[in-house]
Amino acid sequence: MRKIGIILFANMVVMVTLAWTSTDAEAKVGFINLQRLVNESKMGQAARDEFQKMRQEKETLVAAKLREVNELRELINKSGAEMSAQDKRTKLLALQKSNKEYQRLVSDVKEDILREDRQLVSIILQKADGVLKKVANRLNYTIILKDANIIGYLDPSVDITDEVIKELNKK
């Protein structure tokens, strides 16, 4: 992962150097905040609403399974002493099985939510790419950076996120 970051940084330095040494025009570097683009654009907000609905549905399934586990546990705790050894063993096995299913469901839901979130961001970024290029061309930017983590400092004046969101919201 570190190698990829170093390679991306080196590529960026080369691109910036080439742009600055160009005799055609002065390089103009911009930045876009991808998180704001996803959170503040109409498209992103609509997708987030759908994502939240999906997440709530999955959380409802998890809560129902947890209730099932807890009810079975309570039954064993309350009535376990009165049950026959065979019934108690059957209930304990059912509790173990139900608990395993619950743990598996929680894990699967977490994976699903992360995958859906990544997919959501990817789709929005694909749709926004054309708008980003249009805004960059209109404002005469040579380079647009998408990852502030590889840069030590960015002047807020190079942030074109508002322009891109405004243009994206027109669609």
N, C-alpha and C. Protein backbone atom coordinates (compact mmCIF):
# COMPACT_ATOMS: atom_id res chain seq x y z
N MET A 1 0.83 -1.17 0.00
CA MET A 1 0.00 0.00 0.00
C MET A 1 0.89 1.25 0.00
N ARG A 2 1.97 1.20 0.77
CA ARG A 2 2.88 2.34 0.85
C ARG A 2 3.55 2.58 -0.51
N LYS A 3 3.87 1.48 -1.21
CA LYS A 3 4.49 1.62 -2.52
C LYS A 3 3.57 2.33 -3.50
N ILE A 4 2.28 2.00 -3.43
CA ILE A 4 1.30 2.64 -4.32
C ILE A 4 1.26 4.14 -4.04
N GLY A 5 1.26 4.50 -2.76
CA GLY A 5 1.24 5.91 -2.39
C GLY A 5 2.47 6.64 -2.91
N ILE A 6 3.63 5.99 -2.79
CA ILE A 6 4.87 6.60 -3.26
C ILE A 6 4.84 6.75 -4.77
N ILE A 7 4.35 5.73 -5.46
CA ILE A 7 4.26 5.79 -6.92
C ILE A 7 3.30 6.90 -7.35
N LEU A 8 2.13 6.98 -6.69
CA LEU A 8 1.17 8.04 -7.01
C LEU A 8 1.77 9.42 -6.76
N PHE A 9 2.48 9.57 -5.65
CA PHE A 9 3.10 10.85 -5.34
C PHE A 9 4.16 11.20 -6.38
N ALA A 10 4.98 10.21 -6.75
CA ALA A 10 6.01 10.46 -7.76
C ALA A 10 5.39 10.86 -9.10
N ASN A 11 4.32 10.17 -9.48
CA ASN A 11 3.63 10.52 -10.73
C ASN A 11 3.08 11.93 -10.66
N MET A 12 2.52 12.28 -9.51
CA MET A 12 1.97 13.61 -9.36
C MET A 12 3.08 14.66 -9.47
N VAL A 13 4.23 14.41 -8.84
CA VAL A 13 5.35 15.34 -8.91
C VAL A 13 5.82 15.50 -10.35
N VAL A 14 5.89 14.41 -11.07
CA VAL A 14 6.31 14.48 -12.49
C VAL A 14 5.31 15.29 -13.29
N MET A 15 4.01 15.04 -13.05
CA MET A 15 2.98 15.78 -13.80
C MET A 15 3.05 17.27 -13.48
N VAL A 16 3.22 17.59 -12.22
CA VAL A 16 3.29 19.01 -11.84
C VAL A 16 4.53 19.64 -12.44
N THR A 17 5.65 18.94 -12.40
CA THR A 17 6.89 19.46 -12.97
C THR A 17 6.75 19.70 -14.47
N LEU A 18 6.16 18.73 -15.17
CA LEU A 18 5.95 18.88 -16.60
C LEU A 18 5.03 20.06 -16.90
N ALA A 19 4.01 20.20 -16.11
CA ALA A 19 3.07 21.30 -16.33
C ALA A 19 3.74 22.64 -16.09
N TRP A 20 4.60 22.73 -15.07
CA TRP A 20 5.26 24.00 -14.77
C TRP A 20 6.34 24.35 -15.78
N THR A 21 6.94 23.33 -16.37
CA THR A 21 7.99 23.61 -17.35
C THR A 21 7.42 23.82 -18.75
N SER A 22 6.15 23.65 -18.91
CA SER A 22 5.52 23.85 -20.21
C SER A 22 5.63 25.31 -20.62
N THR A 23 5.91 25.54 -21.88
CA THR A 23 6.03 26.92 -22.36
C THR A 23 4.69 27.46 -22.84
N ASP A 24 3.68 26.59 -22.99
CA ASP A 24 2.39 27.02 -23.51
C ASP A 24 1.62 27.88 -22.52
N ALA A 25 1.57 27.45 -21.28
CA ALA A 25 0.77 28.18 -20.31
C ALA A 25 1.26 27.87 -18.91
N GLU A 26 0.87 28.71 -18.00
CA GLU A 26 1.21 28.48 -16.60
C GLU A 26 0.28 27.41 -16.05
N ALA A 27 0.85 26.50 -15.25
CA ALA A 27 0.05 25.42 -14.68
C ALA A 27 -0.89 25.97 -13.63
N LYS A 28 -2.09 25.46 -13.64
CA LYS A 28 -3.08 25.84 -12.65
C LYS A 28 -3.59 24.55 -12.01
N VAL A 29 -3.34 24.42 -10.73
CA VAL A 29 -3.66 23.20 -10.01
C VAL A 29 -4.89 23.43 -9.16
N GLY A 30 -5.82 22.48 -9.21
CA GLY A 30 -7.03 22.55 -8.41
C GLY A 30 -7.19 21.30 -7.57
N PHE A 31 -8.16 21.35 -6.71
CA PHE A 31 -8.42 20.22 -5.82
C PHE A 31 -9.92 20.03 -5.69
N ILE A 32 -10.34 18.77 -5.57
CA ILE A 32 -11.74 18.46 -5.31
C ILE A 32 -11.83 17.54 -4.11
N ASN A 33 -12.72 17.87 -3.20
CA ASN A 33 -12.95 17.08 -2.00
C ASN A 33 -14.02 16.04 -2.34
N LEU A 34 -13.59 14.81 -2.50
CA LEU A 34 -14.50 13.74 -2.92
C LEU A 34 -15.58 13.46 -1.89
N GLN A 35 -15.24 13.55 -0.62
CA GLN A 35 -16.23 13.29 0.42
C GLN A 35 -17.35 14.32 0.37
N ARG A 36 -17.00 15.58 0.18
CA ARG A 36 -18.02 16.62 0.06
C ARG A 36 -18.86 16.40 -1.19
N LEU A 37 -18.22 16.00 -2.27
CA LEU A 37 -18.94 15.74 -3.51
C LEU A 37 -20.01 14.68 -3.29
N VAL A 38 -19.65 13.61 -2.61
CA VAL A 38 -20.59 12.53 -2.34
C VAL A 38 -21.68 12.99 -1.37
N ASN A 39 -21.29 13.72 -0.34
CA ASN A 39 -22.25 14.09 0.71
C ASN A 39 -23.15 15.27 0.34
N GLU A 40 -22.68 16.19 -0.49
CA GLU A 40 -23.41 17.42 -0.73
C GLU A 40 -24.11 17.52 -2.08
N SER A 41 -23.73 16.69 -3.03
CA SER A 41 -24.41 16.76 -4.32
C SER A 41 -25.79 16.10 -4.22
N LYS A 42 -26.71 16.53 -5.07
CA LYS A 42 -28.05 15.94 -5.08
C LYS A 42 -27.98 14.44 -5.37
N MET A 43 -27.13 14.10 -6.32
CA MET A 43 -26.96 12.69 -6.69
C MET A 43 -26.43 11.90 -5.49
N GLY A 44 -25.47 12.46 -4.80
CA GLY A 44 -24.90 11.80 -3.63
C GLY A 44 -25.90 11.68 -2.51
N GLN A 45 -26.68 12.72 -2.29
CA GLN A 45 -27.68 12.69 -1.23
C GLN A 45 -28.77 11.66 -1.53
N ALA A 46 -29.19 11.58 -2.77
CA ALA A 46 -30.20 10.58 -3.15
C ALA A 46 -29.64 9.17 -2.96
N ALA A 47 -28.39 8.98 -3.36
CA ALA A 47 -27.77 7.68 -3.20
C ALA A 47 -27.60 7.35 -1.72
N ARG A 48 -27.23 8.35 -0.92
CA ARG A 48 -27.08 8.16 0.53
C ARG A 48 -28.43 7.77 1.17
N ASP A 49 -29.50 8.39 0.70
CA ASP A 49 -30.83 8.04 1.23
C ASP A 49 -31.15 6.57 0.95
N GLU A 50 -30.87 6.13 -0.27
CA GLU A 50 -31.09 4.73 -0.63
C GLU A 50 -30.19 3.82 0.20
N PHE A 51 -28.95 4.25 0.39
CA PHE A 51 -28.00 3.49 1.19
C PHE A 51 -28.50 3.36 2.62
N GLN A 52 -29.03 4.45 3.18
CA GLN A 52 -29.53 4.43 4.56
C GLN A 52 -30.73 3.49 4.69
N LYS A 53 -31.60 3.47 3.69
CA LYS A 53 -32.74 2.54 3.71
C LYS A 53 -32.25 1.10 3.73
N MET A 54 -31.29 0.79 2.86
CA MET A 54 -30.73 -0.55 2.80
C MET A 54 -30.08 -0.90 4.14
N ARG A 55 -29.36 0.05 4.71
CA ARG A 55 -28.69 -0.18 5.98
C ARG A 55 -29.71 -0.45 7.10
N GLN A 56 -30.79 0.32 7.12
CA GLN A 56 -31.82 0.12 8.14
C GLN A 56 -32.48 -1.25 8.01
N GLU A 57 -32.71 -1.67 6.77
CA GLU A 57 -33.29 -3.00 6.55
C GLU A 57 -32.38 -4.09 7.10
N LYS A 58 -31.10 -3.95 6.83
CA LYS A 58 -30.15 -4.95 7.32
C LYS A 58 -30.03 -4.91 8.84
N GLU A 59 -30.05 -3.71 9.40
CA GLU A 59 -29.98 -3.59 10.85
C GLU A 59 -31.24 -4.16 11.51
N THR A 60 -32.38 -4.07 10.83
CA THR A 60 -33.60 -4.67 11.34
C THR A 60 -33.48 -6.19 11.38
N LEU A 61 -32.88 -6.77 10.34
CA LEU A 61 -32.65 -8.22 10.33
C LEU A 61 -31.73 -8.64 11.47
N VAL A 62 -30.68 -7.86 11.69
CA VAL A 62 -29.73 -8.16 12.77
C VAL A 62 -30.43 -8.07 14.12
N ALA A 63 -31.23 -7.03 14.30
CA ALA A 63 -31.95 -6.85 15.57
C ALA A 63 -32.93 -7.99 15.82
N ALA A 64 -33.60 -8.45 14.77
CA ALA A 64 -34.55 -9.56 14.91
C ALA A 64 -33.80 -10.84 15.33
N LYS A 65 -32.66 -11.07 14.72
CA LYS A 65 -31.87 -12.26 15.06
C LYS A 65 -31.36 -12.17 16.49
N LEU A 66 -30.96 -10.98 16.92
CA LEU A 66 -30.49 -10.79 18.29
C LEU A 66 -31.63 -11.03 19.29
N ARG A 67 -32.83 -10.57 18.95
CA ARG A 67 -33.99 -10.83 19.80
C ARG A 67 -34.22 -12.34 19.95
N GLU A 68 -34.11 -13.05 18.84
CA GLU A 68 -34.29 -14.50 18.85
C GLU A 68 -33.27 -15.16 19.79
N VAL A 69 -32.01 -14.73 19.71
CA VAL A 69 -30.96 -15.28 20.57
C VAL A 69 -31.27 -14.96 22.03
N ASN A 70 -31.63 -13.72 22.30
CA ASN A 70 -31.91 -13.31 23.67
C ASN A 70 -33.13 -14.01 24.26
N GLU A 71 -34.16 -14.21 23.46
CA GLU A 71 -35.36 -14.92 23.93
C GLU A 71 -35.04 -16.37 24.29
N LEU A 72 -34.23 -16.99 23.45
CA LEU A 72 -33.84 -18.37 23.72
C LEU A 72 -32.97 -18.44 24.98
N ARG A 73 -32.08 -17.49 25.13
CA ARG A 73 -31.22 -17.43 26.33
C ARG A 73 -32.08 -17.23 27.59
N GLU A 74 -33.05 -16.34 27.51
CA GLU A 74 -33.94 -16.09 28.65
C GLU A 74 -34.75 -17.33 29.00
N LEU A 75 -35.23 -18.02 27.98
CA LEU A 75 -36.00 -19.25 28.21
C LEU A 75 -35.16 -20.28 28.96
N ILE A 76 -33.92 -20.42 28.54
CA ILE A 76 -33.02 -21.39 29.20
C ILE A 76 -32.74 -20.95 30.62
N ASN A 77 -32.50 -19.66 30.82
CA ASN A 77 -32.19 -19.15 32.17
C ASN A 77 -33.39 -19.30 33.11
N LYS A 78 -34.58 -19.03 32.62
CA LYS A 78 -35.77 -19.08 33.47
C LYS A 78 -36.25 -20.51 33.72
N SER A 79 -36.27 -21.30 32.65
CA SER A 79 -36.88 -22.63 32.75
C SER A 79 -35.87 -23.76 32.69
N GLY A 80 -34.60 -23.44 32.64
CA GLY A 80 -33.58 -24.47 32.48
C GLY A 80 -33.56 -25.50 33.58
N ALA A 81 -33.80 -25.05 34.80
CA ALA A 81 -33.76 -25.98 35.94
C ALA A 81 -34.93 -26.96 35.88
N GLU A 82 -36.02 -26.56 35.28
CA GLU A 82 -37.22 -27.39 35.22
C GLU A 82 -37.23 -28.32 34.00
N MET A 83 -36.33 -28.07 33.06
CA MET A 83 -36.30 -28.87 31.82
C MET A 83 -35.59 -30.20 32.06
N SER A 84 -35.97 -31.15 31.23
CA SER A 84 -35.23 -32.42 31.27
C SER A 84 -33.84 -32.17 30.67
N ALA A 85 -32.93 -33.07 30.96
CA ALA A 85 -31.56 -32.92 30.47
C ALA A 85 -31.54 -32.86 28.94
N GLN A 86 -32.37 -33.70 28.33
CA GLN A 86 -32.43 -33.73 26.86
C GLN A 86 -32.97 -32.42 26.31
N ASP A 87 -34.05 -31.89 26.90
CA ASP A 87 -34.63 -30.61 26.44
C ASP A 87 -33.63 -29.47 26.63
N LYS A 88 -32.98 -29.47 27.77
CA LYS A 88 -32.00 -28.41 28.05
C LYS A 88 -30.85 -28.46 27.04
N ARG A 89 -30.37 -29.66 26.76
CA ARG A 89 -29.28 -29.83 25.79
C ARG A 89 -29.74 -29.36 24.40
N THR A 90 -30.97 -29.72 24.03
CA THR A 90 -31.52 -29.30 22.74
C THR A 90 -31.61 -27.78 22.66
N LYS A 91 -32.09 -27.16 23.74
CA LYS A 91 -32.22 -25.70 23.77
C LYS A 91 -30.84 -25.02 23.73
N LEU A 92 -29.87 -25.59 24.44
CA LEU A 92 -28.51 -25.03 24.44
C LEU A 92 -27.88 -25.12 23.05
N LEU A 93 -28.10 -26.26 22.38
CA LEU A 93 -27.59 -26.41 21.01
C LEU A 93 -28.27 -25.41 20.07
N ALA A 94 -29.57 -25.23 20.27
CA ALA A 94 -30.31 -24.25 19.45
C ALA A 94 -29.78 -22.84 19.72
N LEU A 95 -29.46 -22.56 20.98
CA LEU A 95 -28.90 -21.25 21.33
C LEU A 95 -27.54 -21.05 20.68
N GLN A 96 -26.70 -22.05 20.72
CA GLN A 96 -25.38 -21.96 20.08
C GLN A 96 -25.51 -21.74 18.57
N LYS A 97 -26.41 -22.51 17.97
CA LYS A 97 -26.62 -22.38 16.53
C LYS A 97 -27.15 -20.98 16.20
N SER A 98 -28.12 -20.51 16.97
CA SER A 98 -28.71 -19.20 16.75
C SER A 98 -27.67 -18.09 16.96
N ASN A 99 -26.84 -18.26 17.96
CA ASN A 99 -25.79 -17.27 18.22
C ASN A 99 -24.77 -17.24 17.08
N LYS A 100 -24.39 -18.40 16.56
CA LYS A 100 -23.48 -18.46 15.42
C LYS A 100 -24.10 -17.77 14.20
N GLU A 101 -25.37 -18.04 13.97
CA GLU A 101 -26.07 -17.40 12.85
C GLU A 101 -26.09 -15.88 13.03
N TYR A 102 -26.30 -15.45 14.27
CA TYR A 102 -26.30 -14.02 14.56
C TYR A 102 -24.93 -13.40 14.27
N GLN A 103 -23.88 -14.05 14.75
CA GLN A 103 -22.52 -13.53 14.53
C GLN A 103 -22.20 -13.48 13.03
N ARG A 104 -22.59 -14.51 12.31
CA ARG A 104 -22.36 -14.56 10.87
C ARG A 104 -23.14 -13.46 10.16
N LEU A 105 -24.39 -13.26 10.58
CA LEU A 105 -25.23 -12.21 10.00
C LEU A 105 -24.61 -10.84 10.24
N VAL A 106 -24.14 -10.58 11.44
CA VAL A 106 -23.50 -9.29 11.75
C VAL A 106 -22.30 -9.08 10.84
N SER A 107 -21.48 -10.09 10.70
CA SER A 107 -20.30 -9.99 9.83
C SER A 107 -20.69 -9.75 8.38
N ASP A 108 -21.68 -10.50 7.89
CA ASP A 108 -22.13 -10.34 6.51
C ASP A 108 -22.72 -8.95 6.27
N VAL A 109 -23.48 -8.45 7.24
CA VAL A 109 -24.09 -7.13 7.10
C VAL A 109 -23.01 -6.05 7.05
N LYS A 110 -22.01 -6.18 7.91
CA LYS A 110 -20.90 -5.20 7.88
C LYS A 110 -20.22 -5.20 6.52
N GLU A 111 -19.94 -6.39 5.99
CA GLU A 111 -19.32 -6.50 4.67
C GLU A 111 -20.20 -5.88 3.59
N ASP A 112 -21.48 -6.21 3.63
CA ASP A 112 -22.43 -5.68 2.64
C ASP A 112 -22.47 -4.16 2.69
N ILE A 113 -22.51 -3.61 3.88
CA ILE A 113 -22.60 -2.15 4.03
C ILE A 113 -21.32 -1.49 3.50
N LEU A 114 -20.16 -2.04 3.83
CA LEU A 114 -18.91 -1.47 3.32
C LEU A 114 -18.84 -1.57 1.79
N ARG A 115 -19.24 -2.71 1.26
CA ARG A 115 -19.21 -2.91 -0.19
C ARG A 115 -20.16 -1.93 -0.89
N GLU A 116 -21.36 -1.80 -0.35
CA GLU A 116 -22.35 -0.88 -0.93
C GLU A 116 -21.85 0.56 -0.87
N ASP A 117 -21.22 0.93 0.23
CA ASP A 117 -20.70 2.29 0.38
C ASP A 117 -19.62 2.56 -0.66
N ARG A 118 -18.69 1.63 -0.81
CA ARG A 118 -17.63 1.79 -1.82
C ARG A 118 -18.22 1.87 -3.23
N GLN A 119 -19.20 1.04 -3.48
CA GLN A 119 -19.84 1.03 -4.80
C GLN A 119 -20.57 2.35 -5.05
N LEU A 120 -21.25 2.84 -4.04
CA LEU A 120 -21.96 4.10 -4.13
C LEU A 120 -21.00 5.24 -4.49
N VAL A 121 -19.91 5.33 -3.76
CA VAL A 121 -18.92 6.38 -4.01
C VAL A 121 -18.35 6.23 -5.42
N SER A 122 -18.07 5.01 -5.82
CA SER A 122 -17.50 4.76 -7.15
C SER A 122 -18.44 5.21 -8.26
N ILE A 123 -19.73 4.90 -8.13
CA ILE A 123 -20.71 5.29 -9.14
C ILE A 123 -20.82 6.80 -9.23
N ILE A 124 -20.88 7.46 -8.09
CA ILE A 124 -20.99 8.92 -8.08
C ILE A 124 -19.75 9.54 -8.72
N LEU A 125 -18.58 9.02 -8.40
CA LEU A 125 -17.35 9.57 -8.96
C LEU A 125 -17.28 9.35 -10.47
N GLN A 126 -17.77 8.23 -10.94
CA GLN A 126 -17.80 7.99 -12.39
C GLN A 126 -18.70 9.01 -13.07
N LYS A 127 -19.87 9.24 -12.49
CA LYS A 127 -20.80 10.20 -13.08
C LYS A 127 -20.28 11.62 -12.98
N ALA A 128 -19.53 11.91 -11.94
CA ALA A 128 -19.02 13.27 -11.73
C ALA A 128 -17.76 13.55 -12.55
N ASP A 129 -17.13 12.51 -13.07
CA ASP A 129 -15.86 12.69 -13.78
C ASP A 129 -15.99 13.63 -14.98
N GLY A 130 -17.05 13.46 -15.76
CA GLY A 130 -17.26 14.34 -16.91
C GLY A 130 -17.49 15.77 -16.49
N VAL A 131 -18.24 15.96 -15.41
CA VAL A 131 -18.50 17.30 -14.89
C VAL A 131 -17.20 17.90 -14.38
N LEU A 132 -16.40 17.12 -13.71
CA LEU A 132 -15.12 17.59 -13.21
C LEU A 132 -14.23 18.08 -14.36
N LYS A 133 -14.17 17.31 -15.41
CA LYS A 133 -13.38 17.71 -16.58
C LYS A 133 -13.92 18.99 -17.21
N LYS A 134 -15.23 19.09 -17.29
CA LYS A 134 -15.86 20.28 -17.86
C LYS A 134 -15.52 21.52 -17.04
N VAL A 135 -15.65 21.42 -15.72
CA VAL A 135 -15.33 22.55 -14.84
C VAL A 135 -13.84 22.88 -14.92
N ALA A 136 -13.00 21.88 -14.92
CA ALA A 136 -11.55 22.11 -15.00
C ALA A 136 -11.19 22.82 -16.30
N ASN A 137 -11.79 22.41 -17.40
CA ASN A 137 -11.52 23.06 -18.69
C ASN A 137 -12.03 24.50 -18.70
N ARG A 138 -13.23 24.70 -18.18
CA ARG A 138 -13.83 26.04 -18.15
C ARG A 138 -12.99 27.00 -17.31
N LEU A 139 -12.44 26.49 -16.20
CA LEU A 139 -11.65 27.34 -15.30
C LEU A 139 -10.15 27.29 -15.60
N ASN A 140 -9.79 26.61 -16.69
CA ASN A 140 -8.40 26.52 -17.16
C ASN A 140 -7.45 25.87 -16.17
N TYR A 141 -7.89 24.79 -15.54
CA TYR A 141 -7.01 24.05 -14.64
C TYR A 141 -6.23 23.03 -15.45
N THR A 142 -4.96 22.89 -15.12
CA THR A 142 -4.10 21.92 -15.76
C THR A 142 -4.18 20.58 -15.05
N ILE A 143 -4.26 20.63 -13.73
CA ILE A 143 -4.27 19.43 -12.90
C ILE A 143 -5.35 19.59 -11.82
N ILE A 144 -6.10 18.52 -11.58
CA ILE A 144 -7.05 18.48 -10.48
C ILE A 144 -6.66 17.31 -9.58
N LEU A 145 -6.40 17.60 -8.32
CA LEU A 145 -6.03 16.57 -7.35
C LEU A 145 -7.29 16.08 -6.65
N LYS A 146 -7.33 14.76 -6.41
CA LYS A 146 -8.50 14.17 -5.75
C LYS A 146 -8.18 13.65 -4.36
N ASP A 147 -6.93 13.58 -3.99
CA ASP A 147 -6.56 13.00 -2.70
C ASP A 147 -5.67 13.96 -1.93
N ALA A 148 -6.25 14.62 -0.93
CA ALA A 148 -5.50 15.59 -0.13
C ALA A 148 -4.52 14.91 0.81
N ASN A 149 -4.66 13.62 1.03
CA ASN A 149 -3.79 12.91 1.97
C ASN A 149 -2.34 12.82 1.50
N ILE A 150 -2.10 12.93 0.20
CA ILE A 150 -0.73 12.82 -0.29
C ILE A 150 -0.06 14.18 -0.41
N ILE A 151 -0.76 15.22 -0.01
CA ILE A 151 -0.24 16.57 -0.13
C ILE A 151 -0.14 17.18 1.26
N GLY A 152 0.96 17.84 1.52
CA GLY A 152 1.15 18.43 2.84
C GLY A 152 0.26 19.62 3.08
N TYR A 153 0.03 20.44 2.07
CA TYR A 153 -0.77 21.65 2.25
C TYR A 153 -1.45 21.99 0.94
N LEU A 154 -2.68 22.43 1.05
CA LEU A 154 -3.43 22.93 -0.10
C LEU A 154 -4.06 24.26 0.27
N ASP A 155 -3.83 25.25 -0.53
CA ASP A 155 -4.48 26.54 -0.32
C ASP A 155 -5.97 26.36 -0.61
N PRO A 156 -6.83 26.81 0.28
CA PRO A 156 -8.28 26.64 0.07
C PRO A 156 -8.78 27.27 -1.23
N SER A 157 -8.05 28.18 -1.78
CA SER A 157 -8.50 28.83 -3.01
C SER A 157 -8.46 27.90 -4.22
N VAL A 158 -7.75 26.78 -4.14
CA VAL A 158 -7.68 25.85 -5.26
C VAL A 158 -8.78 24.79 -5.20
N ASP A 159 -9.61 24.84 -4.17
CA ASP A 159 -10.69 23.87 -4.01
C ASP A 159 -11.85 24.25 -4.94
N ILE A 160 -12.13 23.38 -5.92
CA ILE A 160 -13.20 23.65 -6.88
C ILE A 160 -14.42 22.76 -6.61
N THR A 161 -14.49 22.20 -5.42
CA THR A 161 -15.58 21.30 -5.08
C THR A 161 -16.94 21.96 -5.25
N ASP A 162 -17.08 23.21 -4.80
CA ASP A 162 -18.38 23.89 -4.92
C ASP A 162 -18.81 24.02 -6.37
N GLU A 163 -17.87 24.36 -7.24
CA GLU A 163 -18.18 24.49 -8.67
C GLU A 163 -18.65 23.16 -9.26
N VAL A 164 -17.96 22.10 -8.91
CA VAL A 164 -18.31 20.78 -9.45
C VAL A 164 -19.68 20.34 -8.92
N ILE A 165 -19.94 20.57 -7.64
CA ILE A 165 -21.25 20.21 -7.06
C ILE A 165 -22.35 21.00 -7.74
N LYS A 166 -22.12 22.27 -7.93
CA LYS A 166 -23.12 23.14 -8.57
C LYS A 166 -23.43 22.62 -9.99
N GLU A 167 -22.40 22.29 -10.73
CA GLU A 167 -22.58 21.79 -12.09
C GLU A 167 -23.23 20.41 -12.09
N LEU A 168 -22.83 19.57 -11.17
CA LEU A 168 -23.39 18.22 -11.07
C LEU A 168 -24.88 18.28 -10.70
N ASN A 169 -25.26 19.23 -9.86
CA ASN A 169 -26.65 19.36 -9.44
C ASN A 169 -27.56 19.85 -10.56
N LYS A 170 -26.98 20.42 -11.62
CA LYS A 170 -27.78 20.86 -12.77
C LYS A 170 -28.31 19.68 -13.55
N LYS A 171 -27.66 18.56 -13.46
CA LYS A 171 -28.04 17.36 -14.24
C LYS A 171 -29.24 16.69 -13.65
